[in-house]
Amino acid sequence: MVLNIRPMTTDEFEKFVSLPANEDRLLELINGEVVEKVPTQLHAFIASLFNAVLFLYTQTNPIGWVFSELRIKLPDDTENDLIPDIAFVLKAGRTFDPDAPLTYMPDLVIEIQSPGQSDKFMIDKATYYLAHGSRLVWIVYPSKRIVESLTVKTRNLLTERDTLKADDLLPGFSLPVADIFRQA
């Protein structure tokens, strides 16, 4: 849901987000527009599943951190301040700052489509992540029961017969797409 009438900068957005009326809201700035994230139960369930599976993966493969709803604010971008559903960041060469948003793109971003979000909206977000440094984006489409896997060079649709893998990024990781939707 878009909330503002005129485009806003990231500096204006920071002030807007810090207002008491907005303290419990998940707000993103996308191309200068304030967009509120309103997850459904299914959306939250799928996000929790990815968070749990990736967290367990990092316990035996401590190569990165997994985050849910982590703000990303790139220093050279005055029109975008995003909060992906799930973000995975490789530790190599990076530090963990518990009090700051990410100032670079996560290596893996997972976005889960909510009712009212168009396929174009989802692809546009994925394109932004990839253009600014993410290596892989998974878009989950709950209503279609598919996952789209995108890199800068590839775009693949995965059905419930397929398995999510990211060998270059998450060696040994696999998640059957059917498992994402099995309990939902």
N, C-alpha and C. Protein backbone atom coordinates (compact mmCIF):
# COMPACT_ATOMS: atom_id res chain seq x y z
N MET A 1 0.83 -1.16 0.00
CA MET A 1 0.00 0.00 0.00
C MET A 1 0.89 1.25 0.00
N VAL A 2 0.78 2.09 -1.04
CA VAL A 2 1.55 3.32 -1.15
C VAL A 2 0.90 4.38 -0.27
N LEU A 3 1.72 5.09 0.53
CA LEU A 3 1.19 6.03 1.51
C LEU A 3 1.39 7.50 1.17
N ASN A 4 2.36 7.85 0.35
CA ASN A 4 2.62 9.27 0.10
C ASN A 4 2.16 9.69 -1.28
N ILE A 5 1.89 10.99 -1.41
CA ILE A 5 1.41 11.53 -2.67
C ILE A 5 2.57 12.00 -3.53
N ARG A 6 3.57 12.60 -2.93
CA ARG A 6 4.71 13.10 -3.68
C ARG A 6 5.94 12.27 -3.35
N PRO A 7 6.90 12.21 -4.27
CA PRO A 7 8.13 11.45 -3.98
C PRO A 7 8.84 12.00 -2.74
N MET A 8 9.50 11.10 -2.02
CA MET A 8 10.18 11.43 -0.78
C MET A 8 11.63 10.97 -0.90
N THR A 9 12.55 11.69 -0.26
CA THR A 9 13.95 11.27 -0.21
C THR A 9 14.15 10.37 1.00
N THR A 10 15.30 9.70 1.05
CA THR A 10 15.59 8.84 2.20
C THR A 10 15.70 9.66 3.49
N ASP A 11 16.19 10.90 3.41
CA ASP A 11 16.26 11.75 4.61
C ASP A 11 14.85 12.08 5.12
N GLU A 12 13.95 12.43 4.20
CA GLU A 12 12.56 12.70 4.60
C GLU A 12 11.91 11.43 5.14
N PHE A 13 12.23 10.32 4.52
CA PHE A 13 11.67 9.04 4.94
C PHE A 13 12.10 8.70 6.36
N GLU A 14 13.37 8.91 6.69
CA GLU A 14 13.84 8.64 8.05
C GLU A 14 13.04 9.42 9.09
N LYS A 15 12.76 10.67 8.79
CA LYS A 15 11.95 11.49 9.71
C LYS A 15 10.54 10.94 9.80
N PHE A 16 9.97 10.57 8.66
CA PHE A 16 8.61 10.03 8.62
C PHE A 16 8.51 8.74 9.43
N VAL A 17 9.47 7.85 9.23
CA VAL A 17 9.47 6.55 9.93
C VAL A 17 9.62 6.74 11.44
N SER A 18 10.35 7.77 11.84
CA SER A 18 10.60 7.97 13.28
C SER A 18 9.43 8.63 14.01
N LEU A 19 8.38 9.02 13.30
CA LEU A 19 7.20 9.58 13.97
C LEU A 19 6.56 8.53 14.85
N PRO A 20 6.06 8.92 16.03
CA PRO A 20 5.43 7.95 16.93
C PRO A 20 4.33 7.11 16.28
N ALA A 21 3.58 7.69 15.38
CA ALA A 21 2.49 6.96 14.72
C ALA A 21 3.00 5.84 13.82
N ASN A 22 4.28 5.87 13.48
CA ASN A 22 4.84 4.87 12.57
C ASN A 22 5.76 3.86 13.24
N GLU A 23 5.90 3.92 14.54
CA GLU A 23 6.90 3.09 15.22
C GLU A 23 6.66 1.60 15.10
N ASP A 24 5.43 1.17 14.94
CA ASP A 24 5.14 -0.26 14.84
C ASP A 24 4.80 -0.70 13.42
N ARG A 25 5.07 0.13 12.45
CA ARG A 25 4.74 -0.19 11.06
C ARG A 25 6.01 -0.59 10.30
N LEU A 26 5.84 -1.49 9.34
CA LEU A 26 6.93 -1.87 8.44
C LEU A 26 6.79 -1.03 7.17
N LEU A 27 7.62 -0.02 7.06
CA LEU A 27 7.55 0.91 5.94
C LEU A 27 8.82 0.85 5.12
N GLU A 28 8.65 0.84 3.81
CA GLU A 28 9.77 0.87 2.87
C GLU A 28 9.64 2.11 2.01
N LEU A 29 10.77 2.56 1.48
CA LEU A 29 10.78 3.62 0.48
C LEU A 29 11.23 2.99 -0.83
N ILE A 30 10.35 3.00 -1.81
CA ILE A 30 10.63 2.37 -3.10
C ILE A 30 10.44 3.42 -4.19
N ASN A 31 11.56 3.80 -4.80
CA ASN A 31 11.54 4.83 -5.84
C ASN A 31 10.84 6.10 -5.36
N GLY A 32 11.10 6.47 -4.11
CA GLY A 32 10.55 7.70 -3.55
C GLY A 32 9.16 7.57 -2.97
N GLU A 33 8.54 6.40 -3.08
CA GLU A 33 7.20 6.19 -2.55
C GLU A 33 7.26 5.38 -1.26
N VAL A 34 6.51 5.80 -0.27
CA VAL A 34 6.42 5.05 0.98
C VAL A 34 5.42 3.92 0.78
N VAL A 35 5.88 2.71 1.04
CA VAL A 35 5.05 1.52 0.87
C VAL A 35 5.01 0.79 2.20
N GLU A 36 3.81 0.47 2.66
CA GLU A 36 3.66 -0.27 3.91
C GLU A 36 3.58 -1.76 3.62
N LYS A 37 4.35 -2.54 4.37
CA LYS A 37 4.30 -4.00 4.27
C LYS A 37 3.24 -4.48 5.27
N VAL A 38 2.29 -5.25 4.76
CA VAL A 38 1.23 -5.79 5.60
C VAL A 38 1.17 -7.30 5.37
N PRO A 39 2.03 -8.06 6.08
CA PRO A 39 2.08 -9.51 5.84
C PRO A 39 0.82 -10.23 6.32
N THR A 40 0.44 -11.25 5.57
CA THR A 40 -0.65 -12.14 5.97
C THR A 40 -0.08 -13.28 6.81
N GLN A 41 -0.94 -14.12 7.33
CA GLN A 41 -0.47 -15.29 8.09
C GLN A 41 0.38 -16.20 7.21
N LEU A 42 -0.07 -16.42 5.98
CA LEU A 42 0.69 -17.29 5.07
C LEU A 42 2.06 -16.68 4.77
N HIS A 43 2.09 -15.39 4.52
CA HIS A 43 3.34 -14.69 4.26
C HIS A 43 4.28 -14.86 5.45
N ALA A 44 3.79 -14.61 6.65
CA ALA A 44 4.61 -14.73 7.86
C ALA A 44 5.07 -16.17 8.08
N PHE A 45 4.21 -17.12 7.79
CA PHE A 45 4.56 -18.54 7.95
C PHE A 45 5.72 -18.91 7.01
N ILE A 46 5.62 -18.51 5.75
CA ILE A 46 6.66 -18.83 4.78
C ILE A 46 7.97 -18.13 5.15
N ALA A 47 7.88 -16.89 5.58
CA ALA A 47 9.09 -16.17 6.01
C ALA A 47 9.73 -16.87 7.21
N SER A 48 8.93 -17.33 8.15
CA SER A 48 9.45 -18.04 9.32
C SER A 48 10.13 -19.34 8.91
N LEU A 49 9.55 -20.03 7.94
CA LEU A 49 10.15 -21.27 7.45
C LEU A 49 11.52 -21.01 6.87
N PHE A 50 11.64 -20.01 6.00
CA PHE A 50 12.94 -19.68 5.41
C PHE A 50 13.94 -19.26 6.47
N ASN A 51 13.48 -18.46 7.42
CA ASN A 51 14.36 -18.01 8.49
C ASN A 51 14.90 -19.21 9.27
N ALA A 52 14.01 -20.14 9.60
CA ALA A 52 14.41 -21.32 10.38
C ALA A 52 15.36 -22.22 9.59
N VAL A 53 15.03 -22.48 8.33
CA VAL A 53 15.85 -23.38 7.51
C VAL A 53 17.24 -22.77 7.30
N LEU A 54 17.29 -21.48 7.01
CA LEU A 54 18.60 -20.84 6.80
C LEU A 54 19.37 -20.71 8.11
N PHE A 55 18.68 -20.45 9.21
CA PHE A 55 19.36 -20.39 10.51
C PHE A 55 19.99 -21.75 10.83
N LEU A 56 19.24 -22.83 10.64
CA LEU A 56 19.79 -24.17 10.89
C LEU A 56 20.97 -24.45 9.96
N TYR A 57 20.88 -24.01 8.72
CA TYR A 57 22.00 -24.17 7.79
C TYR A 57 23.25 -23.47 8.33
N THR A 58 23.09 -22.25 8.86
CA THR A 58 24.26 -21.49 9.34
C THR A 58 24.84 -22.09 10.63
N GLN A 59 24.07 -22.92 11.32
CA GLN A 59 24.61 -23.55 12.52
C GLN A 59 25.66 -24.60 12.18
N THR A 60 25.49 -25.28 11.06
CA THR A 60 26.48 -26.27 10.63
C THR A 60 27.42 -25.71 9.56
N ASN A 61 27.05 -24.58 8.98
CA ASN A 61 27.87 -23.90 7.96
C ASN A 61 27.93 -22.42 8.34
N PRO A 62 28.78 -22.05 9.27
CA PRO A 62 28.77 -20.68 9.80
C PRO A 62 29.42 -19.66 8.84
N ILE A 63 28.88 -19.59 7.64
CA ILE A 63 29.45 -18.71 6.61
C ILE A 63 28.73 -17.37 6.51
N GLY A 64 27.60 -17.25 7.17
CA GLY A 64 26.84 -16.01 7.03
C GLY A 64 25.79 -15.82 8.10
N TRP A 65 25.07 -14.73 7.96
CA TRP A 65 23.98 -14.39 8.88
C TRP A 65 22.67 -14.37 8.10
N VAL A 66 21.61 -14.79 8.76
CA VAL A 66 20.27 -14.72 8.17
C VAL A 66 19.46 -13.71 8.97
N PHE A 67 18.73 -12.85 8.27
CA PHE A 67 17.95 -11.79 8.90
C PHE A 67 16.52 -11.81 8.36
N SER A 68 15.57 -11.46 9.20
CA SER A 68 14.22 -11.21 8.72
C SER A 68 13.91 -9.74 8.93
N GLU A 69 13.26 -9.16 7.94
CA GLU A 69 12.83 -7.75 8.01
C GLU A 69 13.96 -6.80 8.38
N LEU A 70 15.10 -6.92 7.73
CA LEU A 70 16.26 -6.07 7.98
C LEU A 70 16.27 -4.91 6.99
N ARG A 71 16.39 -3.71 7.51
CA ARG A 71 16.42 -2.51 6.65
C ARG A 71 17.73 -2.44 5.87
N ILE A 72 17.61 -2.07 4.59
CA ILE A 72 18.76 -1.87 3.72
C ILE A 72 18.73 -0.44 3.23
N LYS A 73 19.78 0.29 3.55
CA LYS A 73 19.87 1.69 3.13
C LYS A 73 21.23 1.90 2.49
N LEU A 74 21.25 1.96 1.17
CA LEU A 74 22.49 2.16 0.45
C LEU A 74 22.89 3.64 0.53
N PRO A 75 24.15 3.92 0.83
CA PRO A 75 24.57 5.31 1.04
C PRO A 75 24.40 6.22 -0.18
N ASP A 76 24.45 5.67 -1.38
CA ASP A 76 24.37 6.51 -2.58
C ASP A 76 22.98 6.52 -3.23
N ASP A 77 21.99 6.00 -2.55
CA ASP A 77 20.63 5.93 -3.09
C ASP A 77 19.70 6.76 -2.21
N THR A 78 19.15 7.82 -2.77
CA THR A 78 18.27 8.71 -2.00
C THR A 78 16.79 8.43 -2.24
N GLU A 79 16.47 7.35 -2.98
CA GLU A 79 15.08 7.04 -3.30
C GLU A 79 14.58 5.71 -2.75
N ASN A 80 15.48 4.91 -2.17
CA ASN A 80 15.10 3.57 -1.74
C ASN A 80 15.65 3.26 -0.36
N ASP A 81 14.80 2.65 0.44
CA ASP A 81 15.14 2.19 1.79
C ASP A 81 14.26 0.96 1.99
N LEU A 82 14.83 -0.22 1.75
CA LEU A 82 14.03 -1.44 1.63
C LEU A 82 14.16 -2.36 2.84
N ILE A 83 13.15 -3.22 2.99
CA ILE A 83 13.15 -4.23 4.03
C ILE A 83 12.74 -5.56 3.38
N PRO A 84 13.71 -6.35 2.92
CA PRO A 84 13.33 -7.65 2.35
C PRO A 84 12.79 -8.57 3.44
N ASP A 85 11.96 -9.52 3.02
CA ASP A 85 11.40 -10.46 3.98
C ASP A 85 12.49 -11.26 4.68
N ILE A 86 13.42 -11.79 3.91
CA ILE A 86 14.56 -12.54 4.45
C ILE A 86 15.81 -12.12 3.68
N ALA A 87 16.91 -11.96 4.41
CA ALA A 87 18.18 -11.60 3.79
C ALA A 87 19.26 -12.51 4.35
N PHE A 88 20.15 -12.96 3.47
CA PHE A 88 21.30 -13.75 3.89
C PHE A 88 22.55 -13.01 3.46
N VAL A 89 23.48 -12.84 4.40
CA VAL A 89 24.71 -12.10 4.15
C VAL A 89 25.90 -12.99 4.48
N LEU A 90 26.79 -13.16 3.52
CA LEU A 90 28.03 -13.88 3.80
C LEU A 90 28.89 -13.05 4.76
N LYS A 91 29.53 -13.71 5.71
CA LYS A 91 30.35 -13.03 6.71
C LYS A 91 31.67 -12.52 6.15
N ALA A 92 32.22 -13.19 5.17
CA ALA A 92 33.56 -12.87 4.66
C ALA A 92 33.69 -11.40 4.31
N GLY A 93 34.60 -10.72 5.02
CA GLY A 93 34.89 -9.33 4.75
C GLY A 93 33.87 -8.34 5.26
N ARG A 94 32.92 -8.81 6.05
CA ARG A 94 31.87 -7.92 6.55
C ARG A 94 31.81 -7.97 8.07
N THR A 95 31.30 -6.90 8.65
CA THR A 95 31.13 -6.85 10.10
C THR A 95 29.65 -6.81 10.43
N PHE A 96 29.35 -7.22 11.64
CA PHE A 96 27.97 -7.24 12.14
C PHE A 96 27.79 -6.01 13.02
N ASP A 97 26.89 -5.12 12.64
CA ASP A 97 26.58 -3.94 13.44
C ASP A 97 25.14 -4.06 13.91
N PRO A 98 24.93 -4.41 15.19
CA PRO A 98 23.58 -4.68 15.68
C PRO A 98 22.66 -3.46 15.67
N ASP A 99 23.20 -2.26 15.52
CA ASP A 99 22.37 -1.05 15.62
C ASP A 99 22.19 -0.31 14.31
N ALA A 100 22.55 -0.93 13.20
CA ALA A 100 22.50 -0.21 11.93
C ALA A 100 21.81 -1.03 10.85
N PRO A 101 21.24 -0.34 9.86
CA PRO A 101 20.75 -1.09 8.69
C PRO A 101 21.95 -1.56 7.87
N LEU A 102 21.69 -2.45 6.94
CA LEU A 102 22.75 -2.83 6.00
C LEU A 102 22.99 -1.66 5.06
N THR A 103 24.25 -1.43 4.75
CA THR A 103 24.59 -0.37 3.80
C THR A 103 25.09 -0.97 2.49
N TYR A 104 24.82 -2.24 2.29
CA TYR A 104 25.15 -2.97 1.07
C TYR A 104 24.07 -4.02 0.89
N MET A 105 24.02 -4.61 -0.28
CA MET A 105 22.99 -5.60 -0.56
C MET A 105 23.36 -6.95 0.03
N PRO A 106 22.36 -7.66 0.57
CA PRO A 106 22.58 -9.03 1.00
C PRO A 106 22.95 -9.89 -0.20
N ASP A 107 23.64 -10.99 0.05
CA ASP A 107 23.99 -11.90 -1.03
C ASP A 107 22.76 -12.62 -1.57
N LEU A 108 21.85 -12.98 -0.68
CA LEU A 108 20.59 -13.63 -1.05
C LEU A 108 19.44 -12.83 -0.45
N VAL A 109 18.44 -12.54 -1.26
CA VAL A 109 17.22 -11.88 -0.80
C VAL A 109 16.05 -12.79 -1.12
N ILE A 110 15.15 -12.93 -0.14
CA ILE A 110 13.92 -13.69 -0.36
C ILE A 110 12.75 -12.75 -0.13
N GLU A 111 11.91 -12.63 -1.15
CA GLU A 111 10.70 -11.83 -1.07
C GLU A 111 9.50 -12.74 -1.27
N ILE A 112 8.48 -12.55 -0.46
CA ILE A 112 7.26 -13.35 -0.52
C ILE A 112 6.12 -12.44 -0.94
N GLN A 113 5.48 -12.79 -2.03
CA GLN A 113 4.40 -11.96 -2.55
C GLN A 113 3.20 -11.98 -1.61
N SER A 114 2.71 -10.79 -1.30
CA SER A 114 1.50 -10.64 -0.49
C SER A 114 0.35 -10.28 -1.40
N PRO A 115 -0.89 -10.53 -0.95
CA PRO A 115 -2.03 -10.10 -1.76
C PRO A 115 -1.92 -8.60 -2.05
N GLY A 116 -2.22 -8.22 -3.27
CA GLY A 116 -2.15 -6.82 -3.66
C GLY A 116 -0.82 -6.43 -4.29
N GLN A 117 0.19 -7.29 -4.16
CA GLN A 117 1.47 -7.01 -4.80
C GLN A 117 1.48 -7.71 -6.16
N SER A 118 1.72 -6.94 -7.20
CA SER A 118 1.72 -7.50 -8.55
C SER A 118 3.02 -8.27 -8.82
N ASP A 119 2.97 -9.12 -9.82
CA ASP A 119 4.17 -9.83 -10.25
C ASP A 119 5.23 -8.81 -10.67
N LYS A 120 4.82 -7.75 -11.36
CA LYS A 120 5.75 -6.71 -11.79
C LYS A 120 6.42 -6.05 -10.60
N PHE A 121 5.67 -5.76 -9.55
CA PHE A 121 6.23 -5.17 -8.33
C PHE A 121 7.32 -6.08 -7.77
N MET A 122 7.06 -7.38 -7.75
CA MET A 122 8.03 -8.34 -7.21
C MET A 122 9.29 -8.40 -8.09
N ILE A 123 9.10 -8.44 -9.39
CA ILE A 123 10.24 -8.49 -10.32
C ILE A 123 11.04 -7.20 -10.24
N ASP A 124 10.36 -6.08 -10.13
CA ASP A 124 11.07 -4.79 -10.02
C ASP A 124 11.95 -4.76 -8.77
N LYS A 125 11.43 -5.27 -7.65
CA LYS A 125 12.25 -5.31 -6.43
C LYS A 125 13.45 -6.23 -6.63
N ALA A 126 13.22 -7.39 -7.22
CA ALA A 126 14.31 -8.33 -7.47
C ALA A 126 15.37 -7.71 -8.37
N THR A 127 14.93 -7.02 -9.41
CA THR A 127 15.85 -6.36 -10.33
C THR A 127 16.69 -5.32 -9.60
N TYR A 128 16.07 -4.58 -8.70
CA TYR A 128 16.79 -3.58 -7.92
C TYR A 128 17.87 -4.26 -7.06
N TYR A 129 17.49 -5.31 -6.34
CA TYR A 129 18.46 -6.01 -5.49
C TYR A 129 19.65 -6.49 -6.31
N LEU A 130 19.37 -7.12 -7.45
CA LEU A 130 20.44 -7.67 -8.29
C LEU A 130 21.30 -6.57 -8.89
N ALA A 131 20.70 -5.47 -9.30
CA ALA A 131 21.45 -4.37 -9.90
C ALA A 131 22.37 -3.69 -8.89
N HIS A 132 22.07 -3.86 -7.61
CA HIS A 132 22.86 -3.18 -6.58
C HIS A 132 23.71 -4.14 -5.75
N GLY A 133 23.88 -5.38 -6.22
CA GLY A 133 24.87 -6.24 -5.59
C GLY A 133 24.42 -7.58 -5.04
N SER A 134 23.12 -7.84 -4.96
CA SER A 134 22.70 -9.18 -4.53
C SER A 134 23.09 -10.19 -5.59
N ARG A 135 23.45 -11.37 -5.14
CA ARG A 135 23.84 -12.42 -6.09
C ARG A 135 22.66 -13.28 -6.51
N LEU A 136 21.66 -13.40 -5.62
CA LEU A 136 20.53 -14.29 -5.86
C LEU A 136 19.29 -13.73 -5.18
N VAL A 137 18.16 -13.82 -5.89
CA VAL A 137 16.87 -13.43 -5.31
C VAL A 137 15.89 -14.58 -5.55
N TRP A 138 15.20 -14.97 -4.48
CA TRP A 138 14.11 -15.93 -4.59
C TRP A 138 12.82 -15.18 -4.31
N ILE A 139 11.89 -15.23 -5.28
CA ILE A 139 10.56 -14.66 -5.08
C ILE A 139 9.60 -15.82 -4.90
N VAL A 140 8.89 -15.80 -3.79
CA VAL A 140 7.91 -16.85 -3.50
C VAL A 140 6.53 -16.32 -3.85
N TYR A 141 5.81 -17.08 -4.68
CA TYR A 141 4.45 -16.73 -5.08
C TYR A 141 3.50 -17.74 -4.44
N PRO A 142 3.00 -17.47 -3.24
CA PRO A 142 2.16 -18.45 -2.53
C PRO A 142 0.90 -18.85 -3.30
N SER A 143 0.25 -17.92 -3.96
CA SER A 143 -1.00 -18.25 -4.64
C SER A 143 -0.77 -19.19 -5.83
N LYS A 144 0.43 -19.14 -6.41
CA LYS A 144 0.77 -20.00 -7.55
C LYS A 144 1.57 -21.23 -7.13
N ARG A 145 2.03 -21.22 -5.88
CA ARG A 145 2.83 -22.31 -5.33
C ARG A 145 4.10 -22.55 -6.17
N ILE A 146 4.75 -21.43 -6.51
CA ILE A 146 6.01 -21.50 -7.24
C ILE A 146 7.01 -20.53 -6.61
N VAL A 147 8.28 -20.74 -6.95
CA VAL A 147 9.36 -19.85 -6.53
C VAL A 147 10.13 -19.47 -7.78
N GLU A 148 10.40 -18.19 -7.91
CA GLU A 148 11.22 -17.71 -9.02
C GLU A 148 12.61 -17.44 -8.49
N SER A 149 13.61 -18.00 -9.13
CA SER A 149 15.01 -17.84 -8.74
C SER A 149 15.69 -16.97 -9.78
N LEU A 150 16.25 -15.84 -9.32
CA LEU A 150 16.84 -14.88 -10.24
C LEU A 150 18.28 -14.55 -9.86
N THR A 151 19.13 -14.49 -10.87
CA THR A 151 20.47 -13.93 -10.74
C THR A 151 20.55 -12.85 -11.81
N VAL A 152 21.69 -12.20 -11.91
CA VAL A 152 21.86 -11.18 -12.95
C VAL A 152 21.69 -11.80 -14.33
N LYS A 153 22.08 -13.06 -14.49
CA LYS A 153 22.06 -13.70 -15.81
C LYS A 153 20.94 -14.72 -16.02
N THR A 154 20.29 -15.18 -14.95
CA THR A 154 19.30 -16.26 -15.10
C THR A 154 17.99 -15.92 -14.41
N ARG A 155 16.95 -16.59 -14.88
CA ARG A 155 15.62 -16.45 -14.28
C ARG A 155 14.91 -17.79 -14.47
N ASN A 156 14.63 -18.48 -13.35
CA ASN A 156 14.02 -19.81 -13.41
C ASN A 156 12.80 -19.88 -12.52
N LEU A 157 11.75 -20.52 -13.04
CA LEU A 157 10.56 -20.79 -12.24
C LEU A 157 10.65 -22.21 -11.70
N LEU A 158 10.46 -22.35 -10.40
CA LEU A 158 10.53 -23.65 -9.76
C LEU A 158 9.16 -24.02 -9.23
N THR A 159 8.74 -25.24 -9.54
CA THR A 159 7.45 -25.74 -9.08
C THR A 159 7.65 -26.65 -7.88
N GLU A 160 6.59 -27.23 -7.42
CA GLU A 160 6.66 -28.13 -6.26
C GLU A 160 7.42 -29.42 -6.57
N ARG A 161 7.76 -29.65 -7.81
CA ARG A 161 8.57 -30.81 -8.18
C ARG A 161 10.06 -30.50 -8.12
N ASP A 162 10.40 -29.21 -7.90
CA ASP A 162 11.79 -28.77 -7.94
C ASP A 162 12.35 -28.54 -6.53
N THR A 163 13.64 -28.30 -6.48
CA THR A 163 14.34 -28.04 -5.22
C THR A 163 15.13 -26.76 -5.33
N LEU A 164 15.02 -25.90 -4.31
CA LEU A 164 15.83 -24.68 -4.26
C LEU A 164 17.25 -25.05 -3.86
N LYS A 165 18.20 -24.56 -4.64
CA LYS A 165 19.61 -24.75 -4.34
C LYS A 165 20.35 -23.46 -4.65
N ALA A 166 21.49 -23.30 -4.02
CA ALA A 166 22.33 -22.13 -4.27
C ALA A 166 23.77 -22.52 -4.00
N ASP A 167 24.24 -23.51 -4.77
CA ASP A 167 25.54 -24.12 -4.48
C ASP A 167 26.68 -23.12 -4.42
N ASP A 168 26.68 -22.10 -5.27
CA ASP A 168 27.76 -21.11 -5.25
C ASP A 168 27.73 -20.25 -3.99
N LEU A 169 26.55 -20.08 -3.43
CA LEU A 169 26.37 -19.21 -2.28
C LEU A 169 26.20 -19.98 -0.98
N LEU A 170 25.40 -21.05 -1.03
CA LEU A 170 25.10 -21.87 0.14
C LEU A 170 25.44 -23.33 -0.18
N PRO A 171 26.71 -23.70 -0.13
CA PRO A 171 27.10 -25.06 -0.49
C PRO A 171 26.35 -26.11 0.33
N GLY A 172 25.76 -27.06 -0.37
CA GLY A 172 25.06 -28.15 0.29
C GLY A 172 23.64 -27.83 0.71
N PHE A 173 23.19 -26.61 0.55
CA PHE A 173 21.83 -26.23 0.93
C PHE A 173 20.84 -26.72 -0.12
N SER A 174 19.73 -27.25 0.34
CA SER A 174 18.63 -27.58 -0.57
C SER A 174 17.32 -27.54 0.21
N LEU A 175 16.28 -27.11 -0.48
CA LEU A 175 14.95 -27.04 0.11
C LEU A 175 13.94 -27.37 -0.97
N PRO A 176 13.25 -28.51 -0.84
CA PRO A 176 12.22 -28.83 -1.82
C PRO A 176 11.14 -27.74 -1.81
N VAL A 177 10.79 -27.26 -2.98
CA VAL A 177 9.76 -26.22 -3.08
C VAL A 177 8.45 -26.70 -2.45
N ALA A 178 8.15 -27.98 -2.59
CA ALA A 178 6.92 -28.52 -1.99
C ALA A 178 6.90 -28.31 -0.47
N ASP A 179 8.07 -28.35 0.18
CA ASP A 179 8.13 -28.16 1.63
C ASP A 179 7.71 -26.75 2.04
N ILE A 180 7.90 -25.78 1.17
CA ILE A 180 7.52 -24.41 1.47
C ILE A 180 6.01 -24.29 1.63
N PHE A 181 5.29 -25.06 0.82
CA PHE A 181 3.83 -24.93 0.77
C PHE A 181 3.10 -26.08 1.46
N ARG A 182 3.83 -27.10 1.90
CA ARG A 182 3.21 -28.31 2.45
C ARG A 182 2.28 -28.03 3.63
N GLN A 183 2.72 -27.23 4.59
CA GLN A 183 1.92 -27.00 5.80
C GLN A 183 0.99 -25.79 5.67
N ALA A 184 1.12 -25.06 4.57
CA ALA A 184 0.34 -23.82 4.43
C ALA A 184 -1.04 -24.12 3.90
